[in-house]
PDB file of N, CA and C in Angstrom:
ATOM      1  N   MET A   1     -16.034   2.659   2.643  1.00  0.00           N
ATOM      2  CA  MET A   1     -14.843   3.201   3.164  1.00  0.00           C
ATOM      3  C   MET A   1     -14.588   4.367   2.103  1.00  0.00           C
ATOM      4  N   ASN A   2     -14.276   5.601   2.589  1.00  0.00           N
ATOM      5  CA  ASN A   2     -13.978   6.729   1.731  1.00  0.00           C
ATOM      6  C   ASN A   2     -12.481   6.756   1.506  1.00  0.00           C
ATOM      7  N   ARG A   3     -11.978   7.777   0.712  1.00  0.00           N
ATOM      8  CA  ARG A   3     -10.553   7.915   0.379  1.00  0.00           C
ATOM      9  C   ARG A   3      -9.713   8.141   1.685  1.00  0.00           C
ATOM     10  N   SER A   4     -10.141   9.052   2.504  1.00  0.00           N
ATOM     11  CA  SER A   4      -9.352   9.353   3.716  1.00  0.00           C
ATOM     12  C   SER A   4      -9.254   8.140   4.606  1.00  0.00           C
ATOM     13  N   SER A   5     -10.333   7.396   4.688  1.00  0.00           N
ATOM     14  CA  SER A   5     -10.296   6.183   5.503  1.00  0.00           C
ATOM     15  C   SER A   5      -9.296   5.109   4.911  1.00  0.00           C
ATOM     16  N   LEU A   6      -9.388   5.036   3.588  1.00  0.00           N
ATOM     17  CA  LEU A   6      -8.436   4.129   2.924  1.00  0.00           C
ATOM     18  C   LEU A   6      -7.010   4.508   3.161  1.00  0.00           C
ATOM     19  N   PHE A   7      -6.689   5.813   3.047  1.00  0.00           N
ATOM     20  CA  PHE A   7      -5.334   6.286   3.256  1.00  0.00           C
ATOM     21  C   PHE A   7      -4.887   5.986   4.755  1.00  0.00           C
ATOM     22  N   THR A   8      -5.878   6.303   5.628  1.00  0.00           N
ATOM     23  CA  THR A   8      -5.567   6.044   7.116  1.00  0.00           C
ATOM     24  C   THR A   8      -5.269   4.528   7.318  1.00  0.00           C
ATOM     25  N   ALA A   9      -6.086   3.714   6.807  1.00  0.00           N
ATOM     26  CA  ALA A   9      -5.921   2.256   6.978  1.00  0.00           C
ATOM     27  C   ALA A   9      -4.541   1.755   6.396  1.00  0.00           C
ATOM     28  N   LEU A  10      -4.237   2.228   5.249  1.00  0.00           N
ATOM     29  CA  LEU A  10      -2.988   1.860   4.594  1.00  0.00           C
ATOM     30  C   LEU A  10      -1.766   2.332   5.445  1.00  0.00           C
ATOM     31  N   ARG A  11      -1.812   3.608   5.805  1.00  0.00           N
ATOM     32  CA  ARG A  11      -0.725   4.192   6.599  1.00  0.00           C
ATOM     33  C   ARG A  11      -0.584   3.475   7.843  1.00  0.00           C
ATOM     34  N   SER A  12      -1.629   3.114   8.611  1.00  0.00           N
ATOM     35  CA  SER A  12      -1.682   2.369   9.816  1.00  0.00           C
ATOM     36  C   SER A  12      -1.001   0.930   9.623  1.00  0.00           C
ATOM     37  N   ALA A  13      -1.267   0.390   8.462  1.00  0.00           N
ATOM     38  CA  ALA A  13      -0.760  -0.915   8.216  1.00  0.00           C
ATOM     39  C   ALA A  13       0.761  -0.994   7.800  1.00  0.00           C
ATOM     40  N   VAL A  14       1.243   0.046   7.128  1.00  0.00           N
ATOM     41  CA  VAL A  14       2.582   0.017   6.611  1.00  0.00           C
ATOM     42  C   VAL A  14       3.543   0.552   7.612  1.00  0.00           C
ATOM     43  N   GLU A  15       3.152   1.576   8.363  1.00  0.00           N
ATOM     44  CA  GLU A  15       4.191   2.204   9.341  1.00  0.00           C
ATOM     45  C   GLU A  15       4.763   1.206  10.362  1.00  0.00           C
ATOM     46  N   PRO A  16       3.973   0.293  10.941  1.00  0.00           N
ATOM     47  CA  PRO A  16       4.575  -0.646  11.868  1.00  0.00           C
ATOM     48  C   PRO A  16       5.616  -1.605  11.187  1.00  0.00           C
ATOM     49  N   LEU A  17       5.551  -1.685   9.912  1.00  0.00           N
ATOM     50  CA  LEU A  17       6.450  -2.503   9.117  1.00  0.00           C
ATOM     51  C   LEU A  17       7.743  -1.732   8.734  1.00  0.00           C
ATOM     52  N   GLY A  18       7.807  -0.425   9.156  1.00  0.00           N
ATOM     53  CA  GLY A  18       8.927   0.367   8.837  1.00  0.00           C
ATOM     54  C   GLY A  18       8.920   1.130   7.607  1.00  0.00           C
ATOM     55  N   TYR A  19       7.704   1.205   6.938  1.00  0.00           N
ATOM     56  CA  TYR A  19       7.603   2.040   5.678  1.00  0.00           C
ATOM     57  C   TYR A  19       7.031   3.327   5.946  1.00  0.00           C
ATOM     58  N   SER A  20       7.463   4.348   5.183  1.00  0.00           N
ATOM     59  CA  SER A  20       6.774   5.604   5.192  1.00  0.00           C
ATOM     60  C   SER A  20       5.623   5.435   4.172  1.00  0.00           C
ATOM     61  N   PHE A  21       4.677   6.267   4.093  1.00  0.00           N
ATOM     62  CA  PHE A  21       3.503   6.206   3.194  1.00  0.00           C
ATOM     63  C   PHE A  21       3.441   7.433   2.373  1.00  0.00           C
ATOM     64  N   ALA A  22       3.244   7.249   1.006  1.00  0.00           N
ATOM     65  CA  ALA A  22       3.138   8.387   0.125  1.00  0.00           C
ATOM     66  C   ALA A  22       2.132   7.871  -0.937  1.00  0.00           C
ATOM     67  N   SER A  23       1.512   8.918  -1.594  1.00  0.00           N
ATOM     68  CA  SER A  23       0.554   8.628  -2.634  1.00  0.00           C
ATOM     69  C   SER A  23       0.499   9.649  -3.734  1.00  0.00           C
ATOM     70  N   GLY A  24       0.090   9.295  -4.970  1.00  0.00           N
ATOM     71  CA  GLY A  24      -0.112  10.201  -5.967  1.00  0.00           C
ATOM     72  C   GLY A  24       0.048   9.564  -7.306  1.00  0.00           C
ATOM     73  N   ASP A  25       0.262  10.340  -8.345  1.00  0.00           N
ATOM     74  CA  ASP A  25       0.457   9.822  -9.754  1.00  0.00           C
ATOM     75  C   ASP A  25       1.795   9.126  -9.719  1.00  0.00           C
ATOM     76  N   PRO A  26       1.881   7.911 -10.433  1.00  0.00           N
ATOM     77  CA  PRO A  26       3.171   7.224 -10.391  1.00  0.00           C
ATOM     78  C   PRO A  26       4.361   8.069 -10.976  1.00  0.00           C
ATOM     79  N   THR A  27       3.991   8.956 -11.916  1.00  0.00           N
ATOM     80  CA  THR A  27       5.099   9.728 -12.513  1.00  0.00           C
ATOM     81  C   THR A  27       5.706  10.718 -11.532  1.00  0.00           C
ATOM     82  N   SER A  28       5.045  11.003 -10.426  1.00  0.00           N
ATOM     83  CA  SER A  28       5.649  11.932  -9.480  1.00  0.00           C
ATOM     84  C   SER A  28       6.366  11.246  -8.283  1.00  0.00           C
ATOM     85  N   ALA A  29       6.388   9.953  -8.350  1.00  0.00           N
ATOM     86  CA  ALA A  29       6.977   9.212  -7.176  1.00  0.00           C
ATOM     87  C   ALA A  29       8.486   9.589  -6.948  1.00  0.00           C
ATOM     88  N   ALA A  30       9.232   9.746  -7.978  1.00  0.00           N
ATOM     89  CA  ALA A  30      10.628  10.059  -7.814  1.00  0.00           C
ATOM     90  C   ALA A  30      10.955  11.368  -7.149  1.00  0.00           C
ATOM     91  N   THR A  31      10.033  12.324  -7.405  1.00  0.00           N
ATOM     92  CA  THR A  31      10.281  13.701  -6.799  1.00  0.00           C
ATOM     93  C   THR A  31       9.525  13.850  -5.463  1.00  0.00           C
ATOM     94  N   THR A  32       8.680  12.848  -5.112  1.00  0.00           N
ATOM     95  CA  THR A  32       7.854  13.024  -3.957  1.00  0.00           C
ATOM     96  C   THR A  32       8.452  12.179  -2.783  1.00  0.00           C
ATOM     97  N   ILE A  33       8.994  11.057  -3.053  1.00  0.00           N
ATOM     98  CA  ILE A  33       9.554  10.181  -1.996  1.00  0.00           C
ATOM     99  C   ILE A  33      10.810  10.814  -1.407  1.00  0.00           C
ATOM    100  N   ARG A  34      10.781  10.897  -0.037  1.00  0.00           N
ATOM    101  CA  ARG A  34      11.954  11.498   0.613  1.00  0.00           C
ATOM    102  C   ARG A  34      12.763  10.501   1.354  1.00  0.00           C
ATOM    103  N   ASN A  35      12.194   9.352   1.761  1.00  0.00           N
ATOM    104  CA  ASN A  35      12.960   8.393   2.491  1.00  0.00           C
ATOM    105  C   ASN A  35      12.452   6.972   2.109  1.00  0.00           C
ATOM    106  N   TYR A  36      13.315   5.983   2.257  1.00  0.00           N
ATOM    107  CA  TYR A  36      12.885   4.594   1.986  1.00  0.00           C
ATOM    108  C   TYR A  36      13.154   3.689   3.264  1.00  0.00           C
ATOM    109  N   PRO A  37      12.433   2.672   3.349  1.00  0.00           N
ATOM    110  CA  PRO A  37      11.496   2.061   2.428  1.00  0.00           C
ATOM    111  C   PRO A  37      10.181   2.924   2.476  1.00  0.00           C
ATOM    112  N   THR A  38       9.477   2.938   1.351  1.00  0.00           N
ATOM    113  CA  THR A  38       8.187   3.593   1.217  1.00  0.00           C
ATOM    114  C   THR A  38       7.115   2.753   0.599  1.00  0.00           C
ATOM    115  N   ALA A  39       5.949   2.839   1.088  1.00  0.00           N
ATOM    116  CA  ALA A  39       4.767   2.276   0.481  1.00  0.00           C
ATOM    117  C   ALA A  39       4.161   3.340  -0.403  1.00  0.00           C
ATOM    118  N   TRP A  40       4.194   3.148  -1.730  1.00  0.00           N
ATOM    119  CA  TRP A  40       3.642   4.159  -2.609  1.00  0.00           C
ATOM    120  C   TRP A  40       2.311   3.706  -3.122  1.00  0.00           C
ATOM    121  N   LEU A  41       1.277   4.476  -2.949  1.00  0.00           N
ATOM    122  CA  LEU A  41      -0.052   4.164  -3.359  1.00  0.00           C
ATOM    123  C   LEU A  41      -0.326   5.029  -4.641  1.00  0.00           C
ATOM    124  N   ASP A  42      -0.568   4.336  -5.790  1.00  0.00           N
ATOM    125  CA  ASP A  42      -1.007   5.067  -6.951  1.00  0.00           C
ATOM    126  C   ASP A  42      -2.380   5.584  -6.691  1.00  0.00           C
ATOM    127  N   THR A  43      -2.767   6.648  -7.460  1.00  0.00           N
ATOM    128  CA  THR A  43      -4.083   7.312  -7.193  1.00  0.00           C
ATOM    129  C   THR A  43      -5.168   6.167  -7.254  1.00  0.00           C
ATOM    130  N   PRO A  44      -5.978   6.041  -6.180  1.00  0.00           N
ATOM    131  CA  PRO A  44      -6.969   5.008  -6.152  1.00  0.00           C
ATOM    132  C   PRO A  44      -8.147   5.333  -7.141  1.00  0.00           C
ATOM    133  N   ILE A  45      -8.712   4.302  -7.654  1.00  0.00           N
ATOM    134  CA  ILE A  45      -9.767   4.361  -8.652  1.00  0.00           C
ATOM    135  C   ILE A  45     -11.057   3.749  -8.036  1.00  0.00           C
ATOM    136  N   ALA A  46     -12.058   4.596  -7.829  1.00  0.00           N
ATOM    137  CA  ALA A  46     -13.389   4.048  -7.410  1.00  0.00           C
ATOM    138  C   ALA A  46     -13.983   3.148  -8.411  1.00  0.00           C
ATOM    139  N   THR A  47     -14.321   1.897  -8.061  1.00  0.00           N
ATOM    140  CA  THR A  47     -14.846   0.910  -8.976  1.00  0.00           C
ATOM    141  C   THR A  47     -16.338   0.644  -8.729  1.00  0.00           C
ATOM    142  N   ALA A  48     -16.910   0.972  -7.519  1.00  0.00           N
ATOM    143  CA  ALA A  48     -18.262   0.646  -7.152  1.00  0.00           C
ATOM    144  C   ALA A  48     -18.638   1.516  -6.008  1.00  0.00           C
ATOM    145  N   VAL A  49     -19.930   1.864  -6.028  1.00  0.00           N
ATOM    146  CA  VAL A  49     -20.502   2.640  -4.855  1.00  0.00           C
ATOM    147  C   VAL A  49     -21.855   1.883  -4.648  1.00  0.00           C
ATOM    148  N   GLU A  50     -22.029   1.525  -3.309  1.00  0.00           N
ATOM    149  CA  GLU A  50     -23.219   0.838  -2.937  1.00  0.00           C
ATOM    150  C   GLU A  50     -23.903   1.556  -1.802  1.00  0.00           C
ATOM    151  N   GLY A  51     -25.243   1.622  -1.769  1.00  0.00           N
ATOM    152  CA  GLY A  51     -26.014   2.299  -0.745  1.00  0.00           C
ATOM    153  C   GLY A  51     -26.100   3.726  -0.972  1.00  0.00           C
ATOM    154  N   LEU A  52     -27.111   4.360  -0.386  1.00  0.00           N
ATOM    155  CA  LEU A  52     -27.357   5.733  -0.537  1.00  0.00           C
ATOM    156  C   LEU A  52     -26.914   6.621   0.684  1.00  0.00           C
ATOM    157  N   ASN A  53     -27.373   6.137   1.902  1.00  0.00           N
ATOM    158  CA  ASN A  53     -27.090   6.871   3.072  1.00  0.00           C
ATOM    159  C   ASN A  53     -25.794   6.530   3.754  1.00  0.00           C
ATOM    160  N   GLU A  54     -25.640   5.281   4.064  1.00  0.00           N
ATOM    161  CA  GLU A  54     -24.394   4.830   4.598  1.00  0.00           C
ATOM    162  C   GLU A  54     -23.722   3.785   3.648  1.00  0.00           C
ATOM    163  N   GLY A  55     -23.524   4.170   2.473  1.00  0.00           N
ATOM    164  CA  GLY A  55     -22.915   3.319   1.524  1.00  0.00           C
ATOM    165  C   GLY A  55     -21.472   2.974   1.627  1.00  0.00           C
ATOM    166  N   SER A  56     -21.025   2.161   0.726  1.00  0.00           N
ATOM    167  CA  SER A  56     -19.571   1.875   0.771  1.00  0.00           C
ATOM    168  C   SER A  56     -19.032   2.064  -0.611  1.00  0.00           C
ATOM    169  N   ILE A  57     -17.735   2.375  -0.716  1.00  0.00           N
ATOM    170  CA  ILE A  57     -17.117   2.579  -2.024  1.00  0.00           C
ATOM    171  C   ILE A  57     -16.006   1.511  -2.146  1.00  0.00           C
ATOM    172  N   SER A  58     -15.942   0.942  -3.291  1.00  0.00           N
ATOM    173  CA  SER A  58     -14.840  -0.048  -3.517  1.00  0.00           C
ATOM    174  C   SER A  58     -13.813   0.579  -4.391  1.00  0.00           C
ATOM    175  N   TYR A  59     -12.591   0.380  -4.100  1.00  0.00           N
ATOM    176  CA  TYR A  59     -11.453   0.906  -4.911  1.00  0.00           C
ATOM    177  C   TYR A  59     -10.615  -0.118  -5.511  1.00  0.00           C
ATOM    178  N   ARG A  60     -10.005   0.217  -6.638  1.00  0.00           N
ATOM    179  CA  ARG A  60      -8.958  -0.540  -7.193  1.00  0.00           C
ATOM    180  C   ARG A  60      -7.677   0.234  -6.847  1.00  0.00           C
ATOM    181  N   ILE A  61      -6.666  -0.499  -6.174  1.00  0.00           N
ATOM    182  CA  ILE A  61      -5.468   0.214  -5.795  1.00  0.00           C
ATOM    183  C   ILE A  61      -4.288  -0.517  -6.299  1.00  0.00           C
ATOM    184  N   SER A  62      -3.175   0.209  -6.403  1.00  0.00           N
ATOM    185  CA  SER A  62      -1.946  -0.387  -6.694  1.00  0.00           C
ATOM    186  C   SER A  62      -1.011   0.150  -5.604  1.00  0.00           C
ATOM    187  N   LEU A  63      -0.509  -0.695  -4.791  1.00  0.00           N
ATOM    188  CA  LEU A  63       0.455  -0.213  -3.697  1.00  0.00           C
ATOM    189  C   LEU A  63       1.842  -0.941  -3.977  1.00  0.00           C
ATOM    190  N   ARG A  64       2.845  -0.053  -3.949  1.00  0.00           N
ATOM    191  CA  ARG A  64       4.169  -0.599  -4.269  1.00  0.00           C
ATOM    192  C   ARG A  64       5.045  -0.393  -2.944  1.00  0.00           C
ATOM    193  N   LEU A  65       5.744  -1.424  -2.637  1.00  0.00           N
ATOM    194  CA  LEU A  65       6.678  -1.460  -1.491  1.00  0.00           C
ATOM    195  C   LEU A  65       8.044  -1.176  -2.105  1.00  0.00           C
ATOM    196  N   LEU A  66       8.605   0.008  -1.881  1.00  0.00           N
ATOM    197  CA  LEU A  66       9.845   0.438  -2.520  1.00  0.00           C
ATOM    198  C   LEU A  66      10.996   0.508  -1.493  1.00  0.00           C
ATOM    199  N   HIS A  67      12.145   0.070  -2.019  1.00  0.00           N
ATOM    200  CA  HIS A  67      13.394   0.168  -1.168  1.00  0.00           C
ATOM    201  C   HIS A  67      14.458   0.834  -1.996  1.00  0.00           C
ATOM    202  N   ARG A  68      15.384   1.454  -1.254  1.00  0.00           N
ATOM    203  CA  ARG A  68      16.489   2.154  -1.893  1.00  0.00           C
ATOM    204  C   ARG A  68      17.421   1.072  -2.473  1.00  0.00           C
ATOM    205  N   ALA A  69      17.906   1.434  -3.661  1.00  0.00           N
ATOM    206  CA  ALA A  69      18.822   0.454  -4.311  1.00  0.00           C
ATOM    207  C   ALA A  69      20.273   0.782  -3.793  1.00  0.00           C
ATOM    208  N   ASP A  70      20.678   0.120  -2.738  1.00  0.00           N
ATOM    209  CA  ASP A  70      21.989   0.264  -2.191  1.00  0.00           C
ATOM    210  C   ASP A  70      22.948  -0.892  -2.587  1.00  0.00           C
ATOM    211  N   ARG A  71      24.142  -0.935  -2.052  1.00  0.00           N
ATOM    212  CA  ARG A  71      25.062  -1.971  -2.398  1.00  0.00           C
ATOM    213  C   ARG A  71      24.570  -3.395  -2.037  1.00  0.00           C
ATOM    214  N   GLU A  72      23.975  -3.480  -0.817  1.00  0.00           N
ATOM    215  CA  GLU A  72      23.394  -4.751  -0.436  1.00  0.00           C
ATOM    216  C   GLU A  72      22.341  -5.269  -1.360  1.00  0.00           C
ATOM    217  N   THR A  73      21.433  -4.426  -1.732  1.00  0.00           N
ATOM    218  CA  THR A  73      20.294  -4.691  -2.652  1.00  0.00           C
ATOM    219  C   THR A  73      20.878  -5.205  -3.958  1.00  0.00           C
ATOM    220  N   VAL A  74      21.843  -4.570  -4.520  1.00  0.00           N
ATOM    221  CA  VAL A  74      22.486  -4.938  -5.816  1.00  0.00           C
ATOM    222  C   VAL A  74      23.144  -6.307  -5.676  1.00  0.00           C
ATOM    223  N   LEU A  75      23.955  -6.428  -4.604  1.00  0.00           N
ATOM    224  CA  LEU A  75      24.665  -7.704  -4.467  1.00  0.00           C
ATOM    225  C   LEU A  75      23.834  -8.923  -4.055  1.00  0.00           C
ATOM    226  N   ASN A  76      22.763  -8.687  -3.328  1.00  0.00           N
ATOM    227  CA  ASN A  76      21.919  -9.783  -2.813  1.00  0.00           C
ATOM    228  C   ASN A  76      20.455  -9.428  -2.903  1.00  0.00           C
ATOM    229  N   PRO A  77      19.980  -9.336  -4.173  1.00  0.00           N
ATOM    230  CA  PRO A  77      18.572  -8.927  -4.349  1.00  0.00           C
ATOM    231  C   PRO A  77      17.528  -9.895  -3.727  1.00  0.00           C
ATOM    232  N   GLU A  78      17.903 -11.192  -3.609  1.00  0.00           N
ATOM    233  CA  GLU A  78      16.882 -12.075  -3.135  1.00  0.00           C
ATOM    234  C   GLU A  78      16.572 -11.765  -1.639  1.00  0.00           C
ATOM    235  N   THR A  79      17.476 -11.172  -0.846  1.00  0.00           N
ATOM    236  CA  THR A  79      17.200 -10.957   0.471  1.00  0.00           C
ATOM    237  C   THR A  79      16.127  -9.781   0.551  1.00  0.00           C
ATOM    238  N   VAL A  80      16.245  -8.798  -0.238  1.00  0.00           N
ATOM    239  CA  VAL A  80      15.293  -7.717  -0.290  1.00  0.00           C
ATOM    240  C   VAL A  80      13.855  -8.251  -0.795  1.00  0.00           C
ATOM    241  N   TRP A  81      13.930  -9.089  -1.854  1.00  0.00           N
ATOM    242  CA  TRP A  81      12.667  -9.665  -2.351  1.00  0.00           C
ATOM    243  C   TRP A  81      12.018 -10.440  -1.295  1.00  0.00           C
ATOM    244  N   GLU A  82      12.732 -11.239  -0.474  1.00  0.00           N
ATOM    245  CA  GLU A  82      12.073 -12.056   0.553  1.00  0.00           C
ATOM    246  C   GLU A  82      11.516 -11.214   1.580  1.00  0.00           C
ATOM    247  N   LYS A  83      12.210 -10.187   2.078  1.00  0.00           N
ATOM    248  CA  LYS A  83      11.747  -9.233   3.062  1.00  0.00           C
ATOM    249  C   LYS A  83      10.491  -8.546   2.553  1.00  0.00           C
ATOM    250  N   THR A  84      10.521  -8.099   1.297  1.00  0.00           N
ATOM    251  CA  THR A  84       9.378  -7.346   0.716  1.00  0.00           C
ATOM    252  C   THR A  84       8.204  -8.175   0.627  1.00  0.00           C
ATOM    253  N   GLU A  85       8.301  -9.514   0.222  1.00  0.00           N
ATOM    254  CA  GLU A  85       7.251 -10.444   0.161  1.00  0.00           C
ATOM    255  C   GLU A  85       6.610 -10.663   1.514  1.00  0.00           C
ATOM    256  N   LEU A  86       7.406 -10.865   2.474  1.00  0.00           N
ATOM    257  CA  LEU A  86       6.924 -11.021   3.837  1.00  0.00           C
ATOM    258  C   LEU A  86       6.155  -9.812   4.365  1.00  0.00           C
ATOM    259  N   ASP A  87       6.756  -8.668   4.027  1.00  0.00           N
ATOM    260  CA  ASP A  87       6.100  -7.456   4.478  1.00  0.00           C
ATOM    261  C   ASP A  87       4.715  -7.225   3.769  1.00  0.00           C
ATOM    262  N   ALA A  88       4.625  -7.696   2.431  1.00  0.00           N
ATOM    263  CA  ALA A  88       3.361  -7.613   1.782  1.00  0.00           C
ATOM    264  C   ALA A  88       2.302  -8.545   2.416  1.00  0.00           C
ATOM    265  N   ILE A  89       2.724  -9.758   2.834  1.00  0.00           N
ATOM    266  CA  ILE A  89       1.841 -10.712   3.452  1.00  0.00           C
ATOM    267  C   ILE A  89       1.377 -10.072   4.860  1.00  0.00           C
ATOM    268  N   ASN A  90       2.246  -9.537   5.552  1.00  0.00           N
ATOM    269  CA  ASN A  90       1.915  -8.928   6.852  1.00  0.00           C
ATOM    270  C   ASN A  90       1.014  -7.792   6.695  1.00  0.00           C
ATOM    271  N   LEU A  91       1.210  -6.998   5.606  1.00  0.00           N
ATOM    272  CA  LEU A  91       0.383  -5.839   5.275  1.00  0.00           C
ATOM    273  C   LEU A  91      -1.011  -6.325   4.952  1.00  0.00           C
ATOM    274  N   LEU A  92      -1.179  -7.371   4.118  1.00  0.00           N
ATOM    275  CA  LEU A  92      -2.458  -7.890   3.762  1.00  0.00           C
ATOM    276  C   LEU A  92      -3.203  -8.407   4.988  1.00  0.00           C
ATOM    277  N   HIS A  93      -2.485  -9.010   5.913  1.00  0.00           N
ATOM    278  CA  HIS A  93      -3.132  -9.475   7.138  1.00  0.00           C
ATOM    279  C   HIS A  93      -3.604  -8.303   7.970  1.00  0.00           C
ATOM    280  N   ALA A  94      -2.799  -7.218   8.113  1.00  0.00           N
ATOM    281  CA  ALA A  94      -3.164  -6.053   8.919  1.00  0.00           C
ATOM    282  C   ALA A  94      -4.385  -5.463   8.319  1.00  0.00           C
ATOM    283  N   LEU A  95      -4.465  -5.364   6.934  1.00  0.00           N
ATOM    284  CA  LEU A  95      -5.631  -4.720   6.381  1.00  0.00           C
ATOM    285  C   LEU A  95      -6.874  -5.575   6.456  1.00  0.00           C
ATOM    286  N   SER A  96      -6.727  -6.912   6.463  1.00  0.00           N
ATOM    287  CA  SER A  96      -7.874  -7.774   6.510  1.00  0.00           C
ATOM    288  C   SER A  96      -8.532  -7.708   7.857  1.00  0.00           C
ATOM    289  N   ILE A  97      -7.944  -7.225   8.943  1.00  0.00           N
ATOM    290  CA  ILE A  97      -8.521  -7.085  10.235  1.00  0.00           C
ATOM    291  C   ILE A  97      -8.825  -5.591  10.567  1.00  0.00           C
ATOM    292  N   THR A  98      -8.698  -4.744   9.538  1.00  0.00           N
ATOM    293  CA  THR A  98      -8.895  -3.332   9.743  1.00  0.00           C
ATOM    294  C   THR A  98     -10.384  -2.941   9.595  1.00  0.00           C
ATOM    295  N   SER A  99     -10.925  -2.272  10.613  1.00  0.00           N
ATOM    296  CA  SER A  99     -12.371  -1.818  10.517  1.00  0.00           C
ATOM    297  C   SER A  99     -12.638  -1.095   9.258  1.00  0.00           C
ATOM    298  N   GLY A 100     -13.716  -1.410   8.609  1.00  0.00           N
ATOM    299  CA  GLY A 100     -14.105  -0.703   7.371  1.00  0.00           C
ATOM    300  C   GLY A 100     -13.638  -1.468   6.152  1.00  0.00           C
ATOM    301  N   VAL A 101     -12.613  -2.369   6.221  1.00  0.00           N
ATOM    302  CA  VAL A 101     -12.240  -3.171   5.039  1.00  0.00           C
ATOM    303  C   VAL A 101     -13.110  -4.425   5.028  1.00  0.00           C
ATOM    304  N   ILE A 102     -13.838  -4.482   3.934  1.00  0.00           N
ATOM    305  CA  ILE A 102     -14.750  -5.524   3.767  1.00  0.00           C
ATOM    306  C   ILE A 102     -14.112  -6.733   3.203  1.00  0.00           C
ATOM    307  N   ALA A 103     -13.318  -6.471   2.115  1.00  0.00           N
ATOM    308  CA  ALA A 103     -12.673  -7.678   1.360  1.00  0.00           C
ATOM    309  C   ALA A 103     -11.444  -7.143   0.692  1.00  0.00           C
ATOM    310  N   LEU A 104     -10.592  -8.083   0.497  1.00  0.00           N
ATOM    311  CA  LEU A 104      -9.276  -7.872  -0.331  1.00  0.00           C
ATOM    312  C   LEU A 104      -9.400  -8.880  -1.462  1.00  0.00           C
ATOM    313  N   ASP A 105      -9.642  -8.413  -2.715  1.00  0.00           N
ATOM    314  CA  ASP A 105      -9.756  -9.353  -3.799  1.00  0.00           C
ATOM    315  C   ASP A 105      -8.692  -9.092  -4.844  1.00  0.00           C
ATOM    316  N   ASN A 106      -8.445 -10.184  -5.640  1.00  0.00           N
ATOM    317  CA  ASN A 106      -7.537 -10.002  -6.877  1.00  0.00           C
ATOM    318  C   ASN A 106      -6.142  -9.494  -6.399  1.00  0.00           C
ATOM    319  N   VAL A 107      -5.667 -10.019  -5.322  1.00  0.00           N
ATOM    320  CA  VAL A 107      -4.308  -9.471  -4.797  1.00  0.00           C
ATOM    321  C   VAL A 107      -3.202 -10.166  -5.648  1.00  0.00           C
ATOM    322  N   LYS A 108      -2.234  -9.328  -6.152  1.00  0.00           N
ATOM    323  CA  LYS A 108      -1.103  -9.822  -6.877  1.00  0.00           C
ATOM    324  C   LYS A 108       0.107  -9.347  -6.238  1.00  0.00           C
ATOM    325  N   LEU A 109       1.085 -10.235  -6.013  1.00  0.00           N
ATOM    326  CA  LEU A 109       2.455  -9.842  -5.449  1.00  0.00           C
ATOM    327  C   LEU A 109       3.408  -9.856  -6.575  1.00  0.00           C
TER     328      LEU A 109
END
């Protein structure tokens, strides 16, 4: 899977959950994100390349599910945590059945 396929797969997985998708250096997130909730992808790091002609590339990624800090979030943060965790599980499921995704390893919530 190349970078553009990775971005397309992630975008396709997060948008049905109600998230917009953005990517870049984590220091630019505050100036880049225009609406919430957003799935923010830190710059992917290629960790392995296999095959010469039709090879595959493995990436280490960090994807953050971000929500606006509004009154409800401040007063009842557990509600947002619960929704975010469920969204993360649904996202992982969507990615696991996406064409081109071979494995999801070392997942941390």
